Amino acid sequence: MMIKCEEVIEAYIERINVVDPYINATVERSIDVALKEAKKVDSLVASGKYTKEQLAAEKPLLGVPFSVKLLLNVKGECKNSCLKLLIY
């Protein structure tokens, strides 16, 4: 049995919803985007366009969920961090 990327993303979302109120680790969540991208990954894998070996070599992190620190630039996302240096 193969686990689908969409199932992995849904499990991550569920865990974030349980834990984040306690640790406050996320500022913005792109849940809709993540699910949309996961469906694309599942379709690509199911299409047979790539072999397992090709996917491993050419797209090694395909379908792996990750979180990005807000201070990094991400295409299509708002960056609202700043760095203040205090000089005494």
PDB file of N, CA and C in Angstrom:
ATOM      1  N   MET A   1       0.830  -1.181   0.000  1.00  0.00           N
ATOM      2  CA  MET A   1       0.000   0.000   0.000  1.00  0.00           C
ATOM      3  C   MET A   1       0.880   1.251   0.000  1.00  0.00           C
ATOM      4  N   MET A   2       0.568   2.203  -0.851  1.00  0.00           N
ATOM      5  CA  MET A   2       1.332   3.433  -0.940  1.00  0.00           C
ATOM      6  C   MET A   2       0.566   4.558  -0.239  1.00  0.00           C
ATOM      7  N   ILE A   3       1.272   5.310   0.575  1.00  0.00           N
ATOM      8  CA  ILE A   3       0.664   6.457   1.249  1.00  0.00           C
ATOM      9  C   ILE A   3       0.649   7.623   0.277  1.00  0.00           C
ATOM     10  N   LYS A   4      -0.477   8.291   0.190  1.00  0.00           N
ATOM     11  CA  LYS A   4      -0.597   9.444  -0.696  1.00  0.00           C
ATOM     12  C   LYS A   4      -0.118  10.702   0.011  1.00  0.00           C
ATOM     13  N   CYS A   5       0.420  11.602  -0.763  1.00  0.00           N
ATOM     14  CA  CYS A   5       0.910  12.870  -0.238  1.00  0.00           C
ATOM     15  C   CYS A   5      -0.221  13.633   0.457  1.00  0.00           C
ATOM     16  N   GLU A   6      -1.403  13.594  -0.114  1.00  0.00           N
ATOM     17  CA  GLU A   6      -2.542  14.296   0.479  1.00  0.00           C
ATOM     18  C   GLU A   6      -2.836  13.784   1.891  1.00  0.00           C
ATOM     19  N   GLU A   7      -2.695  12.480   2.108  1.00  0.00           N
ATOM     20  CA  GLU A   7      -2.910  11.903   3.434  1.00  0.00           C
ATOM     21  C   GLU A   7      -1.857  12.402   4.430  1.00  0.00           C
ATOM     22  N   VAL A   8      -0.622  12.520   3.960  1.00  0.00           N
ATOM     23  CA  VAL A   8       0.454  13.014   4.814  1.00  0.00           C
ATOM     24  C   VAL A   8       0.184  14.465   5.206  1.00  0.00           C
ATOM     25  N   ILE A   9      -0.190  15.277   4.239  1.00  0.00           N
ATOM     26  CA  ILE A   9      -0.480  16.689   4.506  1.00  0.00           C
ATOM     27  C   ILE A   9      -1.644  16.816   5.494  1.00  0.00           C
ATOM     28  N   GLU A  10      -2.685  16.021   5.298  1.00  0.00           N
ATOM     29  CA  GLU A  10      -3.828  16.062   6.219  1.00  0.00           C
ATOM     30  C   GLU A  10      -3.408  15.679   7.643  1.00  0.00           C
ATOM     31  N   ALA A  11      -2.510  14.716   7.782  1.00  0.00           N
ATOM     32  CA  ALA A  11      -2.018  14.322   9.105  1.00  0.00           C
ATOM     33  C   ALA A  11      -1.208  15.457   9.735  1.00  0.00           C
ATOM     34  N   TYR A  12      -0.385  16.127   8.933  1.00  0.00           N
ATOM     35  CA  TYR A  12       0.385  17.260   9.442  1.00  0.00           C
ATOM     36  C   TYR A  12      -0.537  18.391   9.885  1.00  0.00           C
ATOM     37  N   ILE A  13      -1.548  18.678   9.087  1.00  0.00           N
ATOM     38  CA  ILE A  13      -2.495  19.742   9.427  1.00  0.00           C
ATOM     39  C   ILE A  13      -3.214  19.418  10.731  1.00  0.00           C
ATOM     40  N   GLU A  14      -3.625  18.180  10.864  1.00  0.00           N
ATOM     41  CA  GLU A  14      -4.299  17.759  12.094  1.00  0.00           C
ATOM     42  C   GLU A  14      -3.383  17.954  13.304  1.00  0.00           C
ATOM     43  N   ARG A  15      -2.116  17.574  13.158  1.00  0.00           N
ATOM     44  CA  ARG A  15      -1.171  17.713  14.268  1.00  0.00           C
ATOM     45  C   ARG A  15      -0.893  19.187  14.585  1.00  0.00           C
ATOM     46  N   ILE A  16      -0.756  19.996  13.564  1.00  0.00           N
ATOM     47  CA  ILE A  16      -0.546  21.430  13.772  1.00  0.00           C
ATOM     48  C   ILE A  16      -1.725  22.023  14.545  1.00  0.00           C
ATOM     49  N   ASN A  17      -2.932  21.641  14.179  1.00  0.00           N
ATOM     50  CA  ASN A  17      -4.122  22.158  14.853  1.00  0.00           C
ATOM     51  C   ASN A  17      -4.168  21.764  16.327  1.00  0.00           C
ATOM     52  N   VAL A  18      -3.611  20.611  16.654  1.00  0.00           N
ATOM     53  CA  VAL A  18      -3.590  20.157  18.051  1.00  0.00           C
ATOM     54  C   VAL A  18      -2.484  20.855  18.849  1.00  0.00           C
ATOM     55  N   VAL A  19      -1.303  20.955  18.276  1.00  0.00           N
ATOM     56  CA  VAL A  19      -0.124  21.415  19.009  1.00  0.00           C
ATOM     57  C   VAL A  19       0.074  22.931  18.972  1.00  0.00           C
ATOM     58  N   ASP A  20      -0.232  23.560  17.873  1.00  0.00           N
ATOM     59  CA  ASP A  20       0.100  24.969  17.713  1.00  0.00           C
ATOM     60  C   ASP A  20      -0.512  25.896  18.766  1.00  0.00           C
ATOM     61  N   PRO A  21      -1.711  25.645  19.258  1.00  0.00           N
ATOM     62  CA  PRO A  21      -2.214  26.536  20.312  1.00  0.00           C
ATOM     63  C   PRO A  21      -1.305  26.584  21.545  1.00  0.00           C
ATOM     64  N   TYR A  22      -0.522  25.563  21.768  1.00  0.00           N
ATOM     65  CA  TYR A  22       0.386  25.511  22.922  1.00  0.00           C
ATOM     66  C   TYR A  22       1.760  26.084  22.639  1.00  0.00           C
ATOM     67  N   ILE A  23       2.245  25.904  21.404  1.00  0.00           N
ATOM     68  CA  ILE A  23       3.612  26.340  21.091  1.00  0.00           C
ATOM     69  C   ILE A  23       3.672  27.567  20.189  1.00  0.00           C
ATOM     70  N   ASN A  24       2.557  27.934  19.593  1.00  0.00           N
ATOM     71  CA  ASN A  24       2.469  29.133  18.754  1.00  0.00           C
ATOM     72  C   ASN A  24       3.603  29.191  17.719  1.00  0.00           C
ATOM     73  N   ALA A  25       3.746  28.143  16.949  1.00  0.00           N
ATOM     74  CA  ALA A  25       4.851  28.035  15.993  1.00  0.00           C
ATOM     75  C   ALA A  25       4.510  28.542  14.601  1.00  0.00           C
ATOM     76  N   THR A  26       3.242  28.679  14.290  1.00  0.00           N
ATOM     77  CA  THR A  26       2.875  29.117  12.947  1.00  0.00           C
ATOM     78  C   THR A  26       2.217  30.480  12.984  1.00  0.00           C
ATOM     79  N   VAL A  27       2.534  31.294  11.972  1.00  0.00           N
ATOM     80  CA  VAL A  27       1.937  32.618  11.849  1.00  0.00           C
ATOM     81  C   VAL A  27       0.890  32.577  10.745  1.00  0.00           C
ATOM     82  N   GLU A  28       1.318  32.124   9.583  1.00  0.00           N
ATOM     83  CA  GLU A  28       0.419  31.989   8.443  1.00  0.00           C
ATOM     84  C   GLU A  28       0.413  30.529   8.018  1.00  0.00           C
ATOM     85  N   ARG A  29      -0.760  30.042   7.718  1.00  0.00           N
ATOM     86  CA  ARG A  29      -0.877  28.658   7.255  1.00  0.00           C
ATOM     87  C   ARG A  29      -1.448  28.652   5.844  1.00  0.00           C
ATOM     88  N   SER A  30      -0.802  27.937   4.975  1.00  0.00           N
ATOM     89  CA  SER A  30      -1.244  27.820   3.579  1.00  0.00           C
ATOM     90  C   SER A  30      -1.849  26.443   3.366  1.00  0.00           C
ATOM     91  N   ILE A  31      -2.851  26.129   4.147  1.00  0.00           N
ATOM     92  CA  ILE A  31      -3.444  24.797   4.123  1.00  0.00           C
ATOM     93  C   ILE A  31      -4.056  24.467   2.767  1.00  0.00           C
ATOM     94  N   ASP A  32      -4.806  25.407   2.200  1.00  0.00           N
ATOM     95  CA  ASP A  32      -5.419  25.158   0.895  1.00  0.00           C
ATOM     96  C   ASP A  32      -4.373  24.914  -0.181  1.00  0.00           C
ATOM     97  N   VAL A  33      -3.303  25.698  -0.142  1.00  0.00           N
ATOM     98  CA  VAL A  33      -2.212  25.541  -1.109  1.00  0.00           C
ATOM     99  C   VAL A  33      -1.534  24.192  -0.914  1.00  0.00           C
ATOM    100  N   ALA A  34      -1.282  23.823   0.338  1.00  0.00           N
ATOM    101  CA  ALA A  34      -0.618  22.549   0.628  1.00  0.00           C
ATOM    102  C   ALA A  34      -1.444  21.369   0.117  1.00  0.00           C
ATOM    103  N   LEU A  35      -2.742  21.405   0.348  1.00  0.00           N
ATOM    104  CA  LEU A  35      -3.601  20.314  -0.123  1.00  0.00           C
ATOM    105  C   LEU A  35      -3.665  20.275  -1.649  1.00  0.00           C
ATOM    106  N   LYS A  36      -3.714  21.439  -2.270  1.00  0.00           N
ATOM    107  CA  LYS A  36      -3.739  21.514  -3.740  1.00  0.00           C
ATOM    108  C   LYS A  36      -2.448  20.939  -4.324  1.00  0.00           C
ATOM    109  N   GLU A  37      -1.315  21.331  -3.739  1.00  0.00           N
ATOM    110  CA  GLU A  37      -0.025  20.831  -4.209  1.00  0.00           C
ATOM    111  C   GLU A  37       0.106  19.323  -3.967  1.00  0.00           C
ATOM    112  N   ALA A  38      -0.412  18.843  -2.839  1.00  0.00           N
ATOM    113  CA  ALA A  38      -0.358  17.404  -2.537  1.00  0.00           C
ATOM    114  C   ALA A  38      -1.144  16.603  -3.577  1.00  0.00           C
ATOM    115  N   LYS A  39      -2.282  17.122  -3.979  1.00  0.00           N
ATOM    116  CA  LYS A  39      -3.078  16.441  -5.013  1.00  0.00           C
ATOM    117  C   LYS A  39      -2.310  16.394  -6.331  1.00  0.00           C
ATOM    118  N   LYS A  40      -1.597  17.472  -6.648  1.00  0.00           N
ATOM    119  CA  LYS A  40      -0.779  17.492  -7.869  1.00  0.00           C
ATOM    120  C   LYS A  40       0.319  16.431  -7.799  1.00  0.00           C
ATOM    121  N   VAL A  41       0.949  16.326  -6.641  1.00  0.00           N
ATOM    122  CA  VAL A  41       2.009  15.325  -6.447  1.00  0.00           C
ATOM    123  C   VAL A  41       1.438  13.927  -6.626  1.00  0.00           C
ATOM    124  N   ASP A  42       0.296  13.660  -5.990  1.00  0.00           N
ATOM    125  CA  ASP A  42      -0.327  12.342  -6.104  1.00  0.00           C
ATOM    126  C   ASP A  42      -0.678  12.018  -7.554  1.00  0.00           C
ATOM    127  N   SER A  43      -1.164  13.014  -8.289  1.00  0.00           N
ATOM    128  CA  SER A  43      -1.496  12.808  -9.706  1.00  0.00           C
ATOM    129  C   SER A  43      -0.244  12.522 -10.528  1.00  0.00           C
ATOM    130  N   LEU A  44       0.827  13.256 -10.240  1.00  0.00           N
ATOM    131  CA  LEU A  44       2.078  13.040 -10.967  1.00  0.00           C
ATOM    132  C   LEU A  44       2.614  11.637 -10.713  1.00  0.00           C
ATOM    133  N   VAL A  45       2.618  11.215  -9.465  1.00  0.00           N
ATOM    134  CA  VAL A  45       3.113   9.877  -9.131  1.00  0.00           C
ATOM    135  C   VAL A  45       2.250   8.805  -9.791  1.00  0.00           C
ATOM    136  N   ALA A  46       0.937   8.986  -9.754  1.00  0.00           N
ATOM    137  CA  ALA A  46       0.015   8.002 -10.334  1.00  0.00           C
ATOM    138  C   ALA A  46       0.075   7.970 -11.864  1.00  0.00           C
ATOM    139  N   SER A  47       0.517   9.060 -12.483  1.00  0.00           N
ATOM    140  CA  SER A  47       0.545   9.143 -13.946  1.00  0.00           C
ATOM    141  C   SER A  47       1.534   8.180 -14.581  1.00  0.00           C
ATOM    142  N   GLY A  48       2.553   7.790 -13.828  1.00  0.00           N
ATOM    143  CA  GLY A  48       3.570   6.906 -14.389  1.00  0.00           C
ATOM    144  C   GLY A  48       4.567   7.635 -15.273  1.00  0.00           C
ATOM    145  N   LYS A  49       4.515   8.953 -15.305  1.00  0.00           N
ATOM    146  CA  LYS A  49       5.431   9.745 -16.125  1.00  0.00           C
ATOM    147  C   LYS A  49       6.882   9.531 -15.688  1.00  0.00           C
ATOM    148  N   TYR A  50       7.077   9.326 -14.396  1.00  0.00           N
ATOM    149  CA  TYR A  50       8.400   9.081 -13.843  1.00  0.00           C
ATOM    150  C   TYR A  50       8.425   7.720 -13.166  1.00  0.00           C
ATOM    151  N   THR A  51       9.569   7.055 -13.227  1.00  0.00           N
ATOM    152  CA  THR A  51       9.754   5.835 -12.449  1.00  0.00           C
ATOM    153  C   THR A  51      10.096   6.246 -11.020  1.00  0.00           C
ATOM    154  N   LYS A  52      10.062   5.291 -10.100  1.00  0.00           N
ATOM    155  CA  LYS A  52      10.459   5.584  -8.722  1.00  0.00           C
ATOM    156  C   LYS A  52      11.895   6.091  -8.670  1.00  0.00           C
ATOM    157  N   GLU A  53      12.740   5.514  -9.482  1.00  0.00           N
ATOM    158  CA  GLU A  53      14.143   5.904  -9.513  1.00  0.00           C
ATOM    159  C   GLU A  53      14.298   7.339 -10.035  1.00  0.00           C
ATOM    160  N   GLN A  54      13.546   7.683 -11.059  1.00  0.00           N
ATOM    161  CA  GLN A  54      13.605   9.045 -11.597  1.00  0.00           C
ATOM    162  C   GLN A  54      13.111  10.059 -10.564  1.00  0.00           C
ATOM    163  N   LEU A  55      12.012   9.734  -9.896  1.00  0.00           N
ATOM    164  CA  LEU A  55      11.498  10.638  -8.870  1.00  0.00           C
ATOM    165  C   LEU A  55      12.522  10.832  -7.755  1.00  0.00           C
ATOM    166  N   ALA A  56      13.157   9.741  -7.340  1.00  0.00           N
ATOM    167  CA  ALA A  56      14.158   9.824  -6.273  1.00  0.00           C
ATOM    168  C   ALA A  56      15.350  10.678  -6.703  1.00  0.00           C
ATOM    169  N   ALA A  57      15.753  10.555  -7.957  1.00  0.00           N
ATOM    170  CA  ALA A  57      16.916  11.290  -8.445  1.00  0.00           C
ATOM    171  C   ALA A  57      16.599  12.744  -8.787  1.00  0.00           C
ATOM    172  N   GLU A  58      15.454  12.969  -9.440  1.00  0.00           N
ATOM    173  CA  GLU A  58      15.136  14.299  -9.956  1.00  0.00           C
ATOM    174  C   GLU A  58      14.300  15.156  -9.007  1.00  0.00           C
ATOM    175  N   LYS A  59      13.520  14.527  -8.153  1.00  0.00           N
ATOM    176  CA  LYS A  59      12.630  15.253  -7.253  1.00  0.00           C
ATOM    177  C   LYS A  59      12.658  14.603  -5.864  1.00  0.00           C
ATOM    178  N   PRO A  60      13.828  14.592  -5.221  1.00  0.00           N
ATOM    179  CA  PRO A  60      13.988  13.826  -3.980  1.00  0.00           C
ATOM    180  C   PRO A  60      13.085  14.281  -2.825  1.00  0.00           C
ATOM    181  N   LEU A  61      12.661  15.523  -2.813  1.00  0.00           N
ATOM    182  CA  LEU A  61      11.809  16.021  -1.724  1.00  0.00           C
ATOM    183  C   LEU A  61      10.354  16.212  -2.157  1.00  0.00           C
ATOM    184  N   LEU A  62       9.993  15.661  -3.297  1.00  0.00           N
ATOM    185  CA  LEU A  62       8.628  15.786  -3.806  1.00  0.00           C
ATOM    186  C   LEU A  62       7.629  15.240  -2.791  1.00  0.00           C
ATOM    187  N   GLY A  63       6.701  16.090  -2.387  1.00  0.00           N
ATOM    188  CA  GLY A  63       5.654  15.658  -1.476  1.00  0.00           C
ATOM    189  C   GLY A  63       5.999  15.729  -0.006  1.00  0.00           C
ATOM    190  N   VAL A  64       7.208  16.164   0.322  1.00  0.00           N
ATOM    191  CA  VAL A  64       7.618  16.249   1.727  1.00  0.00           C
ATOM    192  C   VAL A  64       7.126  17.580   2.298  1.00  0.00           C
ATOM    193  N   PRO A  65       6.272  17.528   3.322  1.00  0.00           N
ATOM    194  CA  PRO A  65       5.784  18.786   3.902  1.00  0.00           C
ATOM    195  C   PRO A  65       6.889  19.495   4.691  1.00  0.00           C
ATOM    196  N   PHE A  66       6.867  20.821   4.662  1.00  0.00           N
ATOM    197  CA  PHE A  66       7.840  21.582   5.433  1.00  0.00           C
ATOM    198  C   PHE A  66       7.244  22.934   5.810  1.00  0.00           C
ATOM    199  N   SER A  67       7.856  23.535   6.775  1.00  0.00           N
ATOM    200  CA  SER A  67       7.442  24.853   7.235  1.00  0.00           C
ATOM    201  C   SER A  67       8.597  25.811   7.000  1.00  0.00           C
ATOM    202  N   VAL A  68       8.276  27.049   6.678  1.00  0.00           N
ATOM    203  CA  VAL A  68       9.293  28.043   6.381  1.00  0.00           C
ATOM    204  C   VAL A  68       9.233  29.143   7.436  1.00  0.00           C
ATOM    205  N   LYS A  69      10.382  29.481   7.970  1.00  0.00           N
ATOM    206  CA  LYS A  69      10.468  30.581   8.924  1.00  0.00           C
ATOM    207  C   LYS A  69      10.004  31.859   8.245  1.00  0.00           C
ATOM    208  N   LEU A  70       9.214  32.645   8.917  1.00  0.00           N
ATOM    209  CA  LEU A  70       8.606  33.830   8.331  1.00  0.00           C
ATOM    210  C   LEU A  70       9.617  34.842   7.806  1.00  0.00           C
ATOM    211  N   LEU A  71      10.825  34.835   8.317  1.00  0.00           N
ATOM    212  CA  LEU A  71      11.789  35.824   7.854  1.00  0.00           C
ATOM    213  C   LEU A  71      12.417  35.480   6.505  1.00  0.00           C
ATOM    214  N   LEU A  72      12.108  34.315   5.959  1.00  0.00           N
ATOM    215  CA  LEU A  72      12.605  33.945   4.633  1.00  0.00           C
ATOM    216  C   LEU A  72      11.614  34.374   3.564  1.00  0.00           C
ATOM    217  N   ASN A  73      12.122  34.728   2.395  1.00  0.00           N
ATOM    218  CA  ASN A  73      11.254  35.093   1.281  1.00  0.00           C
ATOM    219  C   ASN A  73      10.684  33.843   0.634  1.00  0.00           C
ATOM    220  N   VAL A  74       9.367  33.828   0.458  1.00  0.00           N
ATOM    221  CA  VAL A  74       8.679  32.726  -0.203  1.00  0.00           C
ATOM    222  C   VAL A  74       7.787  33.328  -1.272  1.00  0.00           C
ATOM    223  N   LYS A  75       7.904  32.841  -2.492  1.00  0.00           N
ATOM    224  CA  LYS A  75       7.121  33.362  -3.598  1.00  0.00           C
ATOM    225  C   LYS A  75       5.631  33.315  -3.256  1.00  0.00           C
ATOM    226  N   GLY A  76       4.958  34.446  -3.400  1.00  0.00           N
ATOM    227  CA  GLY A  76       3.527  34.519  -3.169  1.00  0.00           C
ATOM    228  C   GLY A  76       3.118  34.721  -1.721  1.00  0.00           C
ATOM    229  N   GLU A  77       4.077  34.796  -0.820  1.00  0.00           N
ATOM    230  CA  GLU A  77       3.764  34.977   0.602  1.00  0.00           C
ATOM    231  C   GLU A  77       4.272  36.332   1.081  1.00  0.00           C
ATOM    232  N   CYS A  78       3.605  36.867   2.071  1.00  0.00           N
ATOM    233  CA  CYS A  78       3.967  38.151   2.650  1.00  0.00           C
ATOM    234  C   CYS A  78       5.091  37.974   3.665  1.00  0.00           C
ATOM    235  N   LYS A  79       6.084  38.812   3.586  1.00  0.00           N
ATOM    236  CA  LYS A  79       7.191  38.780   4.553  1.00  0.00           C
ATOM    237  C   LYS A  79       7.022  39.983   5.468  1.00  0.00           C
ATOM    238  N   ASN A  80       6.894  39.747   6.762  1.00  0.00           N
ATOM    239  CA  ASN A  80       6.702  40.882   7.665  1.00  0.00           C
ATOM    240  C   ASN A  80       7.647  40.840   8.863  1.00  0.00           C
ATOM    241  N   SER A  81       8.848  40.385   8.632  1.00  0.00           N
ATOM    242  CA  SER A  81       9.809  40.343   9.733  1.00  0.00           C
ATOM    243  C   SER A  81      10.745  41.539   9.645  1.00  0.00           C
ATOM    244  N   CYS A  82      11.383  41.827  10.750  1.00  0.00           N
ATOM    245  CA  CYS A  82      12.384  42.876  10.730  1.00  0.00           C
ATOM    246  C   CYS A  82      13.443  42.553  11.770  1.00  0.00           C
ATOM    247  N   LEU A  83      14.579  43.122  11.593  1.00  0.00           N
ATOM    248  CA  LEU A  83      15.676  42.922  12.520  1.00  0.00           C
ATOM    249  C   LEU A  83      16.063  44.284  13.069  1.00  0.00           C
ATOM    250  N   LYS A  84      16.046  44.398  14.371  1.00  0.00           N
ATOM    251  CA  LYS A  84      16.428  45.658  15.003  1.00  0.00           C
ATOM    252  C   LYS A  84      17.727  45.441  15.763  1.00  0.00           C
ATOM    253  N   LEU A  85      18.665  46.306  15.565  1.00  0.00           N
ATOM    254  CA  LEU A  85      19.919  46.259  16.302  1.00  0.00           C
ATOM    255  C   LEU A  85      19.857  47.342  17.371  1.00  0.00           C
ATOM    256  N   LEU A  86      20.098  46.951  18.577  1.00  0.00           N
ATOM    257  CA  LEU A  86      20.111  47.905  19.665  1.00  0.00           C
ATOM    258  C   LEU A  86      21.552  48.275  19.987  1.00  0.00           C
ATOM    259  N   ILE A  87      21.850  49.540  19.959  1.00  0.00           N
ATOM    260  CA  ILE A  87      23.200  49.996  20.260  1.00  0.00           C
ATOM    261  C   ILE A  87      23.122  50.846  21.514  1.00  0.00           C
ATOM    262  N   TYR A  88      23.906  50.479  22.500  1.00  0.00           N
ATOM    263  CA  TYR A  88      23.926  51.223  23.771  1.00  0.00           C
ATOM    264  C   TYR A  88      25.187  52.002  23.888  1.00  0.00           C
TER     265      TYR A  88
END
